[in-house]
Each structure stands twice: as C-alpha cells, then as structure tokens.
Amino acid sequence: MKRHNTQKVGADTELLSGWVLNKTHSRLNKSFVVDSYIDALAHVARIAVYAEIYKHYPVVQIQHDQVSVTIVKKDTSQKISRDDMRLALKIETIFKH
C-alpha cells in the first residue's frame, strides 16, 4: 500500500496561483472558467483520472462554463498535505491545456 505524504503545508500553497486555503488549512479551493458546459465535463473527466491515481477525491461542481474544485480533508483537524497540493498542481495543468 502506498503511503501518502502527510507533511503539513503552509507557505507552499503560494505555488498554487489562485487556489484559496481556508483558515484551518483543511480545504483548498479554486474555480476555473472554460469555454462551454461540454468543455467543463471533459475537464472533470481528466480530474477523475488523477483523483484515481492519487486516491484523493476532490469535490467538483460545474455551473455552465465554470468548474469549482475543492480538495478537502474529511477530518477538519487534518491539514492539506503535500499529496493534496500535488493533486492541485495536476488539476492546474489540466486547465492550462
């Protein structure tokens, strides 16, 4: 079984342009604008591939041409980890293509 890096993340989130970290550091969120609803669905399908690879499953919401992604810890006493940030970086690359 793969061990996940649970090292706490703070200032490193500055590398994630536009991502918002909540006050307790248990939730990381960003919204992306795309060309159409179909384009939004295609991006979400790509997110699903990375979610399966990393075994981290973000909350994803679609509203017409906007996709909101939230990486959240179920236990709010846990903080966003480097693995969570790695997933956020992968999601970022999806929307740059």
PDB file of N, CA and C in Angstrom:
ATOM      1  N   MET A   1       0.840  -1.181   0.000  1.00  0.00           N
ATOM      2  CA  MET A   1       0.000   0.000   0.000  1.00  0.00           C
ATOM      3  C   MET A   1       0.886   1.247   0.000  1.00  0.00           C
ATOM      4  N   LYS A   2       0.577   2.171  -0.850  1.00  0.00           N
ATOM      5  CA  LYS A   2       1.346   3.409  -0.950  1.00  0.00           C
ATOM      6  C   LYS A   2       1.071   4.295   0.255  1.00  0.00           C
ATOM      7  N   ARG A   3       2.133   4.829   0.859  1.00  0.00           N
ATOM      8  CA  ARG A   3       1.967   5.770   1.969  1.00  0.00           C
ATOM      9  C   ARG A   3       1.896   7.169   1.407  1.00  0.00           C
ATOM     10  N   HIS A   4       0.987   7.944   1.927  1.00  0.00           N
ATOM     11  CA  HIS A   4       0.838   9.318   1.485  1.00  0.00           C
ATOM     12  C   HIS A   4       1.659  10.239   2.356  1.00  0.00           C
ATOM     13  N   ASN A   5       2.224  11.247   1.746  1.00  0.00           N
ATOM     14  CA  ASN A   5       2.991  12.238   2.475  1.00  0.00           C
ATOM     15  C   ASN A   5       2.011  13.123   3.232  1.00  0.00           C
ATOM     16  N   THR A   6       2.089  13.081   4.549  1.00  0.00           N
ATOM     17  CA  THR A   6       1.157  13.862   5.355  1.00  0.00           C
ATOM     18  C   THR A   6       1.818  15.098   5.946  1.00  0.00           C
ATOM     19  N   GLN A   7       2.991  15.450   5.427  1.00  0.00           N
ATOM     20  CA  GLN A   7       3.663  16.651   5.928  1.00  0.00           C
ATOM     21  C   GLN A   7       2.748  17.858   5.742  1.00  0.00           C
ATOM     22  N   LYS A   8       2.704  18.692   6.750  1.00  0.00           N
ATOM     23  CA  LYS A   8       1.816  19.853   6.717  1.00  0.00           C
ATOM     24  C   LYS A   8       2.302  20.891   5.718  1.00  0.00           C
ATOM     25  N   VAL A   9       1.362  21.596   5.134  1.00  0.00           N
ATOM     26  CA  VAL A   9       1.661  22.574   4.098  1.00  0.00           C
ATOM     27  C   VAL A   9       1.191  23.940   4.556  1.00  0.00           C
ATOM     28  N   GLY A  10       1.991  24.934   4.376  1.00  0.00           N
ATOM     29  CA  GLY A  10       1.603  26.292   4.728  1.00  0.00           C
ATOM     30  C   GLY A  10       1.956  27.224   3.601  1.00  0.00           C
ATOM     31  N   ALA A  11       3.142  27.787   3.659  1.00  0.00           N
ATOM     32  CA  ALA A  11       3.574  28.765   2.665  1.00  0.00           C
ATOM     33  C   ALA A  11       3.692  28.160   1.270  1.00  0.00           C
ATOM     34  N   ASP A  12       3.832  26.832   1.171  1.00  0.00           N
ATOM     35  CA  ASP A  12       3.966  26.194  -0.143  1.00  0.00           C
ATOM     36  C   ASP A  12       2.750  26.419  -1.031  1.00  0.00           C
ATOM     37  N   THR A  13       1.615  26.731  -0.444  1.00  0.00           N
ATOM     38  CA  THR A  13       0.411  26.953  -1.252  1.00  0.00           C
ATOM     39  C   THR A  13       0.549  28.184  -2.138  1.00  0.00           C
ATOM     40  N   GLU A  14       1.544  29.010  -1.856  1.00  0.00           N
ATOM     41  CA  GLU A  14       1.783  30.176  -2.714  1.00  0.00           C
ATOM     42  C   GLU A  14       2.149  29.743  -4.128  1.00  0.00           C
ATOM     43  N   LEU A  15       2.619  28.513  -4.281  1.00  0.00           N
ATOM     44  CA  LEU A  15       2.953  27.980  -5.602  1.00  0.00           C
ATOM     45  C   LEU A  15       1.701  27.725  -6.436  1.00  0.00           C
ATOM     46  N   LEU A  16       0.564  27.659  -5.777  1.00  0.00           N
ATOM     47  CA  LEU A  16      -0.693  27.353  -6.446  1.00  0.00           C
ATOM     48  C   LEU A  16      -1.466  28.645  -6.695  1.00  0.00           C
ATOM     49  N   SER A  17      -1.212  29.265  -7.805  1.00  0.00           N
ATOM     50  CA  SER A  17      -1.828  30.546  -8.136  1.00  0.00           C
ATOM     51  C   SER A  17      -3.345  30.443  -8.192  1.00  0.00           C
ATOM     52  N   GLY A  18      -4.014  31.265  -7.397  1.00  0.00           N
ATOM     53  CA  GLY A  18      -5.466  31.327  -7.419  1.00  0.00           C
ATOM     54  C   GLY A  18      -6.169  30.342  -6.508  1.00  0.00           C
ATOM     55  N   TRP A  19      -5.449  29.389  -5.957  1.00  0.00           N
ATOM     56  CA  TRP A  19      -6.053  28.448  -5.023  1.00  0.00           C
ATOM     57  C   TRP A  19      -6.190  29.131  -3.673  1.00  0.00           C
ATOM     58  N   VAL A  20      -7.306  28.892  -3.005  1.00  0.00           N
ATOM     59  CA  VAL A  20      -7.576  29.510  -1.708  1.00  0.00           C
ATOM     60  C   VAL A  20      -7.549  28.435  -0.624  1.00  0.00           C
ATOM     61  N   LEU A  21      -6.723  28.675   0.385  1.00  0.00           N
ATOM     62  CA  LEU A  21      -6.610  27.777   1.527  1.00  0.00           C
ATOM     63  C   LEU A  21      -7.411  28.383   2.675  1.00  0.00           C
ATOM     64  N   ASN A  22      -8.316  27.598   3.265  1.00  0.00           N
ATOM     65  CA  ASN A  22      -9.136  28.152   4.349  1.00  0.00           C
ATOM     66  C   ASN A  22      -8.299  28.360   5.613  1.00  0.00           C
ATOM     67  N   LYS A  23      -8.895  28.998   6.612  1.00  0.00           N
ATOM     68  CA  LYS A  23      -8.166  29.372   7.829  1.00  0.00           C
ATOM     69  C   LYS A  23      -7.605  28.181   8.597  1.00  0.00           C
ATOM     70  N   THR A  24      -8.304  27.040   8.567  1.00  0.00           N
ATOM     71  CA  THR A  24      -7.824  25.869   9.298  1.00  0.00           C
ATOM     72  C   THR A  24      -6.895  24.986   8.459  1.00  0.00           C
ATOM     73  N   HIS A  25      -6.651  25.393   7.226  1.00  0.00           N
ATOM     74  CA  HIS A  25      -5.772  24.678   6.291  1.00  0.00           C
ATOM     75  C   HIS A  25      -6.284  23.263   5.975  1.00  0.00           C
ATOM     76  N   SER A  26      -7.598  23.073   6.049  1.00  0.00           N
ATOM     77  CA  SER A  26      -8.180  21.761   5.762  1.00  0.00           C
ATOM     78  C   SER A  26      -8.922  21.725   4.428  1.00  0.00           C
ATOM     79  N   ARG A  27      -8.939  22.860   3.720  1.00  0.00           N
ATOM     80  CA  ARG A  27      -9.688  22.953   2.456  1.00  0.00           C
ATOM     81  C   ARG A  27      -8.933  23.854   1.492  1.00  0.00           C
ATOM     82  N   LEU A  28      -8.792  23.371   0.258  1.00  0.00           N
ATOM     83  CA  LEU A  28      -8.115  24.103  -0.811  1.00  0.00           C
ATOM     84  C   LEU A  28      -9.097  24.199  -1.968  1.00  0.00           C
ATOM     85  N   ASN A  29      -9.340  25.420  -2.482  1.00  0.00           N
ATOM     86  CA  ASN A  29     -10.400  25.612  -3.472  1.00  0.00           C
ATOM     87  C   ASN A  29      -9.946  26.537  -4.595  1.00  0.00           C
ATOM     88  N   LYS A  30     -10.435  26.234  -5.809  1.00  0.00           N
ATOM     89  CA  LYS A  30     -10.217  27.121  -6.952  1.00  0.00           C
ATOM     90  C   LYS A  30     -11.333  26.905  -7.965  1.00  0.00           C
ATOM     91  N   SER A  31     -11.729  27.987  -8.635  1.00  0.00           N
ATOM     92  CA  SER A  31     -12.707  27.908  -9.723  1.00  0.00           C
ATOM     93  C   SER A  31     -12.017  28.237 -11.034  1.00  0.00           C
ATOM     94  N   PHE A  32     -12.395  27.515 -12.066  1.00  0.00           N
ATOM     95  CA  PHE A  32     -11.831  27.688 -13.403  1.00  0.00           C
ATOM     96  C   PHE A  32     -12.949  28.008 -14.383  1.00  0.00           C
ATOM     97  N   VAL A  33     -12.691  28.896 -15.325  1.00  0.00           N
ATOM     98  CA  VAL A  33     -13.653  29.212 -16.374  1.00  0.00           C
ATOM     99  C   VAL A  33     -13.209  28.508 -17.651  1.00  0.00           C
ATOM    100  N   VAL A  34     -14.162  27.834 -18.294  1.00  0.00           N
ATOM    101  CA  VAL A  34     -13.898  27.114 -19.538  1.00  0.00           C
ATOM    102  C   VAL A  34     -14.837  27.639 -20.618  1.00  0.00           C
ATOM    103  N   ASP A  35     -14.714  27.106 -21.833  1.00  0.00           N
ATOM    104  CA  ASP A  35     -15.482  27.621 -22.964  1.00  0.00           C
ATOM    105  C   ASP A  35     -16.958  27.226 -22.979  1.00  0.00           C
ATOM    106  N   SER A  36     -17.273  26.045 -22.444  1.00  0.00           N
ATOM    107  CA  SER A  36     -18.650  25.562 -22.534  1.00  0.00           C
ATOM    108  C   SER A  36     -18.901  24.484 -21.476  1.00  0.00           C
ATOM    109  N   TYR A  37     -20.147  24.092 -21.367  1.00  0.00           N
ATOM    110  CA  TYR A  37     -20.520  23.026 -20.437  1.00  0.00           C
ATOM    111  C   TYR A  37     -19.840  21.715 -20.824  1.00  0.00           C
ATOM    112  N   ILE A  38     -19.818  21.411 -22.114  1.00  0.00           N
ATOM    113  CA  ILE A  38     -19.159  20.190 -22.592  1.00  0.00           C
ATOM    114  C   ILE A  38     -17.675  20.227 -22.250  1.00  0.00           C
ATOM    115  N   ASP A  39     -17.043  21.376 -22.418  1.00  0.00           N
ATOM    116  CA  ASP A  39     -15.633  21.535 -22.070  1.00  0.00           C
ATOM    117  C   ASP A  39     -15.437  21.307 -20.565  1.00  0.00           C
ATOM    118  N   ALA A  40     -16.366  21.803 -19.762  1.00  0.00           N
ATOM    119  CA  ALA A  40     -16.294  21.597 -18.309  1.00  0.00           C
ATOM    120  C   ALA A  40     -16.342  20.109 -17.977  1.00  0.00           C
ATOM    121  N   LEU A  41     -17.238  19.378 -18.623  1.00  0.00           N
ATOM    122  CA  LEU A  41     -17.344  17.933 -18.390  1.00  0.00           C
ATOM    123  C   LEU A  41     -16.058  17.201 -18.783  1.00  0.00           C
ATOM    124  N   ALA A  42     -15.458  17.615 -19.885  1.00  0.00           N
ATOM    125  CA  ALA A  42     -14.205  16.990 -20.327  1.00  0.00           C
ATOM    126  C   ALA A  42     -13.094  17.222 -19.301  1.00  0.00           C
ATOM    127  N   HIS A  43     -13.025  18.415 -18.758  1.00  0.00           N
ATOM    128  CA  HIS A  43     -12.018  18.718 -17.737  1.00  0.00           C
ATOM    129  C   HIS A  43     -12.255  17.892 -16.470  1.00  0.00           C
ATOM    130  N   VAL A  44     -13.511  17.744 -16.084  1.00  0.00           N
ATOM    131  CA  VAL A  44     -13.832  16.953 -14.897  1.00  0.00           C
ATOM    132  C   VAL A  44     -13.436  15.495 -15.104  1.00  0.00           C
ATOM    133  N   ALA A  45     -13.626  14.974 -16.306  1.00  0.00           N
ATOM    134  CA  ALA A  45     -13.208  13.593 -16.599  1.00  0.00           C
ATOM    135  C   ALA A  45     -11.701  13.439 -16.422  1.00  0.00           C
ATOM    136  N   ARG A  46     -10.939  14.442 -16.828  1.00  0.00           N
ATOM    137  CA  ARG A  46      -9.485  14.397 -16.644  1.00  0.00           C
ATOM    138  C   ARG A  46      -9.110  14.478 -15.160  1.00  0.00           C
ATOM    139  N   ILE A  47      -9.851  15.284 -14.415  1.00  0.00           N
ATOM    140  CA  ILE A  47      -9.619  15.366 -12.964  1.00  0.00           C
ATOM    141  C   ILE A  47      -9.848  13.993 -12.338  1.00  0.00           C
ATOM    142  N   ALA A  48     -10.875  13.287 -12.780  1.00  0.00           N
ATOM    143  CA  ALA A  48     -11.202  11.975 -12.230  1.00  0.00           C
ATOM    144  C   ALA A  48     -10.046  10.989 -12.403  1.00  0.00           C
ATOM    145  N   VAL A  49      -9.341  11.079 -13.521  1.00  0.00           N
ATOM    146  CA  VAL A  49      -8.197  10.188 -13.755  1.00  0.00           C
ATOM    147  C   VAL A  49      -7.129  10.426 -12.688  1.00  0.00           C
ATOM    148  N   TYR A  50      -6.763  11.679 -12.456  1.00  0.00           N
ATOM    149  CA  TYR A  50      -5.761  11.986 -11.431  1.00  0.00           C
ATOM    150  C   TYR A  50      -6.270  11.646 -10.028  1.00  0.00           C
ATOM    151  N   ALA A  51      -7.552  11.847  -9.775  1.00  0.00           N
ATOM    152  CA  ALA A  51      -8.119  11.507  -8.470  1.00  0.00           C
ATOM    153  C   ALA A  51      -7.924  10.015  -8.184  1.00  0.00           C
ATOM    154  N   GLU A  52      -8.147   9.192  -9.198  1.00  0.00           N
ATOM    155  CA  GLU A  52      -7.948   7.747  -9.031  1.00  0.00           C
ATOM    156  C   GLU A  52      -6.469   7.410  -8.829  1.00  0.00           C
ATOM    157  N   ILE A  53      -5.602   8.047  -9.579  1.00  0.00           N
ATOM    158  CA  ILE A  53      -4.167   7.787  -9.448  1.00  0.00           C
ATOM    159  C   ILE A  53      -3.685   8.109  -8.039  1.00  0.00           C
ATOM    160  N   TYR A  54      -4.076   9.280  -7.533  1.00  0.00           N
ATOM    161  CA  TYR A  54      -3.605   9.736  -6.225  1.00  0.00           C
ATOM    162  C   TYR A  54      -4.476   9.272  -5.062  1.00  0.00           C
ATOM    163  N   LYS A  55      -5.625   8.649  -5.371  1.00  0.00           N
ATOM    164  CA  LYS A  55      -6.576   8.226  -4.337  1.00  0.00           C
ATOM    165  C   LYS A  55      -6.987   9.401  -3.442  1.00  0.00           C
ATOM    166  N   HIS A  56      -7.114  10.560  -4.060  1.00  0.00           N
ATOM    167  CA  HIS A  56      -7.612  11.782  -3.421  1.00  0.00           C
ATOM    168  C   HIS A  56      -8.780  12.230  -4.295  1.00  0.00           C
ATOM    169  N   TYR A  57      -9.938  12.396  -3.700  1.00  0.00           N
ATOM    170  CA  TYR A  57     -11.145  12.662  -4.479  1.00  0.00           C
ATOM    171  C   TYR A  57     -11.712  14.039  -4.145  1.00  0.00           C
ATOM    172  N   PRO A  58     -11.439  15.019  -4.988  1.00  0.00           N
ATOM    173  CA  PRO A  58     -11.910  16.376  -4.714  1.00  0.00           C
ATOM    174  C   PRO A  58     -13.416  16.503  -4.958  1.00  0.00           C
ATOM    175  N   VAL A  59     -13.980  17.524  -4.345  1.00  0.00           N
ATOM    176  CA  VAL A  59     -15.365  17.891  -4.612  1.00  0.00           C
ATOM    177  C   VAL A  59     -15.339  18.764  -5.863  1.00  0.00           C
ATOM    178  N   VAL A  60     -16.152  18.410  -6.856  1.00  0.00           N
ATOM    179  CA  VAL A  60     -16.168  19.135  -8.120  1.00  0.00           C
ATOM    180  C   VAL A  60     -17.597  19.602  -8.405  1.00  0.00           C
ATOM    181  N   GLN A  61     -17.731  20.877  -8.743  1.00  0.00           N
ATOM    182  CA  GLN A  61     -19.039  21.430  -9.104  1.00  0.00           C
ATOM    183  C   GLN A  61     -18.924  22.102 -10.468  1.00  0.00           C
ATOM    184  N   ILE A  62     -19.955  21.898 -11.285  1.00  0.00           N
ATOM    185  CA  ILE A  62     -20.000  22.516 -12.610  1.00  0.00           C
ATOM    186  C   ILE A  62     -21.201  23.454 -12.674  1.00  0.00           C
ATOM    187  N   GLN A  63     -20.960  24.661 -13.142  1.00  0.00           N
ATOM    188  CA  GLN A  63     -22.028  25.609 -13.439  1.00  0.00           C
ATOM    189  C   GLN A  63     -21.731  26.196 -14.808  1.00  0.00           C
ATOM    190  N   HIS A  64     -22.393  25.679 -15.802  1.00  0.00           N
ATOM    191  CA  HIS A  64     -22.251  26.081 -17.197  1.00  0.00           C
ATOM    192  C   HIS A  64     -20.787  26.108 -17.643  1.00  0.00           C
ATOM    193  N   ASP A  65     -20.119  27.251 -17.564  1.00  0.00           N
ATOM    194  CA  ASP A  65     -18.739  27.345 -18.055  1.00  0.00           C
ATOM    195  C   ASP A  65     -17.746  27.518 -16.906  1.00  0.00           C
ATOM    196  N   GLN A  66     -18.127  27.095 -15.715  1.00  0.00           N
ATOM    197  CA  GLN A  66     -17.251  27.224 -14.556  1.00  0.00           C
ATOM    198  C   GLN A  66     -17.153  25.889 -13.825  1.00  0.00           C
ATOM    199  N   VAL A  67     -15.930  25.523 -13.476  1.00  0.00           N
ATOM    200  CA  VAL A  67     -15.688  24.307 -12.705  1.00  0.00           C
ATOM    201  C   VAL A  67     -15.022  24.722 -11.399  1.00  0.00           C
ATOM    202  N   SER A  68     -15.644  24.367 -10.289  1.00  0.00           N
ATOM    203  CA  SER A  68     -15.070  24.644  -8.972  1.00  0.00           C
ATOM    204  C   SER A  68     -14.540  23.334  -8.397  1.00  0.00           C
ATOM    205  N   VAL A  69     -13.305  23.374  -7.916  1.00  0.00           N
ATOM    206  CA  VAL A  69     -12.658  22.194  -7.371  1.00  0.00           C
ATOM    207  C   VAL A  69     -12.273  22.488  -5.929  1.00  0.00           C
ATOM    208  N   THR A  70     -12.647  21.582  -5.032  1.00  0.00           N
ATOM    209  CA  THR A  70     -12.294  21.713  -3.626  1.00  0.00           C
ATOM    210  C   THR A  70     -11.640  20.429  -3.159  1.00  0.00           C
ATOM    211  N   ILE A  71     -10.426  20.566  -2.676  1.00  0.00           N
ATOM    212  CA  ILE A  71      -9.732  19.446  -2.058  1.00  0.00           C
ATOM    213  C   ILE A  71      -9.921  19.655  -0.562  1.00  0.00           C
ATOM    214  N   VAL A  72     -10.586  18.712   0.075  1.00  0.00           N
ATOM    215  CA  VAL A  72     -10.976  18.895   1.470  1.00  0.00           C
ATOM    216  C   VAL A  72     -10.630  17.659   2.290  1.00  0.00           C
ATOM    217  N   LYS A  73     -10.215  17.886   3.515  1.00  0.00           N
ATOM    218  CA  LYS A  73      -9.983  16.803   4.458  1.00  0.00           C
ATOM    219  C   LYS A  73     -11.300  16.491   5.155  1.00  0.00           C
ATOM    220  N   LYS A  74     -11.657  15.222   5.235  1.00  0.00           N
ATOM    221  CA  LYS A  74     -12.889  14.833   5.920  1.00  0.00           C
ATOM    222  C   LYS A  74     -12.812  15.206   7.399  1.00  0.00           C
ATOM    223  N   ASP A  75     -11.641  14.985   7.967  1.00  0.00           N
ATOM    224  CA  ASP A  75     -11.403  15.352   9.361  1.00  0.00           C
ATOM    225  C   ASP A  75     -10.792  16.749   9.354  1.00  0.00           C
ATOM    226  N   THR A  76     -11.548  17.740   9.783  1.00  0.00           N
ATOM    227  CA  THR A  76     -11.082  19.129   9.694  1.00  0.00           C
ATOM    228  C   THR A  76      -9.895  19.421  10.610  1.00  0.00           C
ATOM    229  N   SER A  77      -9.532  18.475  11.459  1.00  0.00           N
ATOM    230  CA  SER A  77      -8.324  18.676  12.267  1.00  0.00           C
ATOM    231  C   SER A  77      -7.067  18.363  11.452  1.00  0.00           C
ATOM    232  N   GLN A  78      -7.244  17.698  10.308  1.00  0.00           N
ATOM    233  CA  GLN A  78      -6.115  17.420   9.420  1.00  0.00           C
ATOM    234  C   GLN A  78      -5.914  18.594   8.481  1.00  0.00           C
ATOM    235  N   LYS A  79      -4.676  18.811   8.105  1.00  0.00           N
ATOM    236  CA  LYS A  79      -4.360  19.917   7.205  1.00  0.00           C
ATOM    237  C   LYS A  79      -4.042  19.372   5.811  1.00  0.00           C
ATOM    238  N   ILE A  80      -4.177  20.244   4.817  1.00  0.00           N
ATOM    239  CA  ILE A  80      -3.837  19.887   3.436  1.00  0.00           C
ATOM    240  C   ILE A  80      -2.386  19.400   3.416  1.00  0.00           C
ATOM    241  N   SER A  81      -2.157  18.287   2.741  1.00  0.00           N
ATOM    242  CA  SER A  81      -0.829  17.677   2.684  1.00  0.00           C
ATOM    243  C   SER A  81      -0.138  17.996   1.357  1.00  0.00           C
ATOM    244  N   ARG A  82       1.108  17.618   1.269  1.00  0.00           N
ATOM    245  CA  ARG A  82       1.848  17.793   0.010  1.00  0.00           C
ATOM    246  C   ARG A  82       1.209  16.963  -1.103  1.00  0.00           C
ATOM    247  N   ASP A  83       0.669  15.798  -0.776  1.00  0.00           N
ATOM    248  CA  ASP A  83      -0.035  14.993  -1.788  1.00  0.00           C
ATOM    249  C   ASP A  83      -1.271  15.722  -2.302  1.00  0.00           C
ATOM    250  N   ASP A  84      -1.972  16.411  -1.423  1.00  0.00           N
ATOM    251  CA  ASP A  84      -3.127  17.211  -1.844  1.00  0.00           C
ATOM    252  C   ASP A  84      -2.677  18.327  -2.781  1.00  0.00           C
ATOM    253  N   MET A  85      -1.564  18.948  -2.432  1.00  0.00           N
ATOM    254  CA  MET A  85      -1.024  20.019  -3.282  1.00  0.00           C
ATOM    255  C   MET A  85      -0.588  19.472  -4.633  1.00  0.00           C
ATOM    256  N   ARG A  86      -0.017  18.282  -4.627  1.00  0.00           N
ATOM    257  CA  ARG A  86       0.401  17.655  -5.892  1.00  0.00           C
ATOM    258  C   ARG A  86      -0.814  17.425  -6.788  1.00  0.00           C
ATOM    259  N   LEU A  87      -1.921  16.997  -6.204  1.00  0.00           N
ATOM    260  CA  LEU A  87      -3.155  16.838  -6.976  1.00  0.00           C
ATOM    261  C   LEU A  87      -3.616  18.189  -7.517  1.00  0.00           C
ATOM    262  N   ALA A  88      -3.555  19.225  -6.692  1.00  0.00           N
ATOM    263  CA  ALA A  88      -3.955  20.565  -7.142  1.00  0.00           C
ATOM    264  C   ALA A  88      -3.093  21.021  -8.319  1.00  0.00           C
ATOM    265  N   LEU A  89      -1.806  20.742  -8.258  1.00  0.00           N
ATOM    266  CA  LEU A  89      -0.914  21.109  -9.377  1.00  0.00           C
ATOM    267  C   LEU A  89      -1.287  20.349 -10.650  1.00  0.00           C
ATOM    268  N   LYS A  90      -1.635  19.076 -10.523  1.00  0.00           N
ATOM    269  CA  LYS A  90      -2.066  18.294 -11.688  1.00  0.00           C
ATOM    270  C   LYS A  90      -3.362  18.862 -12.262  1.00  0.00           C
ATOM    271  N   ILE A  91      -4.283  19.227 -11.377  1.00  0.00           N
ATOM    272  CA  ILE A  91      -5.542  19.828 -11.836  1.00  0.00           C
ATOM    273  C   ILE A  91      -5.255  21.135 -12.559  1.00  0.00           C
ATOM    274  N   GLU A  92      -4.330  21.897 -12.027  1.00  0.00           N
ATOM    275  CA  GLU A  92      -3.926  23.158 -12.669  1.00  0.00           C
ATOM    276  C   GLU A  92      -3.458  22.911 -14.103  1.00  0.00           C
ATOM    277  N   THR A  93      -2.673  21.857 -14.325  1.00  0.00           N
ATOM    278  CA  THR A  93      -2.169  21.558 -15.682  1.00  0.00           C
ATOM    279  C   THR A  93      -3.312  21.165 -16.623  1.00  0.00           C
ATOM    280  N   ILE A  94      -4.339  20.537 -16.101  1.00  0.00           N
ATOM    281  CA  ILE A  94      -5.491  20.169 -16.933  1.00  0.00           C
ATOM    282  C   ILE A  94      -6.125  21.410 -17.550  1.00  0.00           C
ATOM    283  N   PHE A  95      -6.259  22.463 -16.765  1.00  0.00           N
ATOM    284  CA  PHE A  95      -6.935  23.656 -17.234  1.00  0.00           C
ATOM    285  C   PHE A  95      -6.017  24.586 -18.059  1.00  0.00           C
ATOM    286  N   LYS A  96      -4.737  24.271 -18.114  1.00  0.00           N
ATOM    287  CA  LYS A  96      -3.825  25.069 -18.927  1.00  0.00           C
ATOM    288  C   LYS A  96      -3.736  24.555 -20.345  1.00  0.00           C
ATOM    289  N   HIS A  97      -4.295  23.374 -20.591  1.00  0.00           N
ATOM    290  CA  HIS A  97      -4.234  22.782 -21.945  1.00  0.00           C
ATOM    291  C   HIS A  97      -5.500  23.021 -22.702  1.00  0.00           C
TER     292      HIS A  97
END
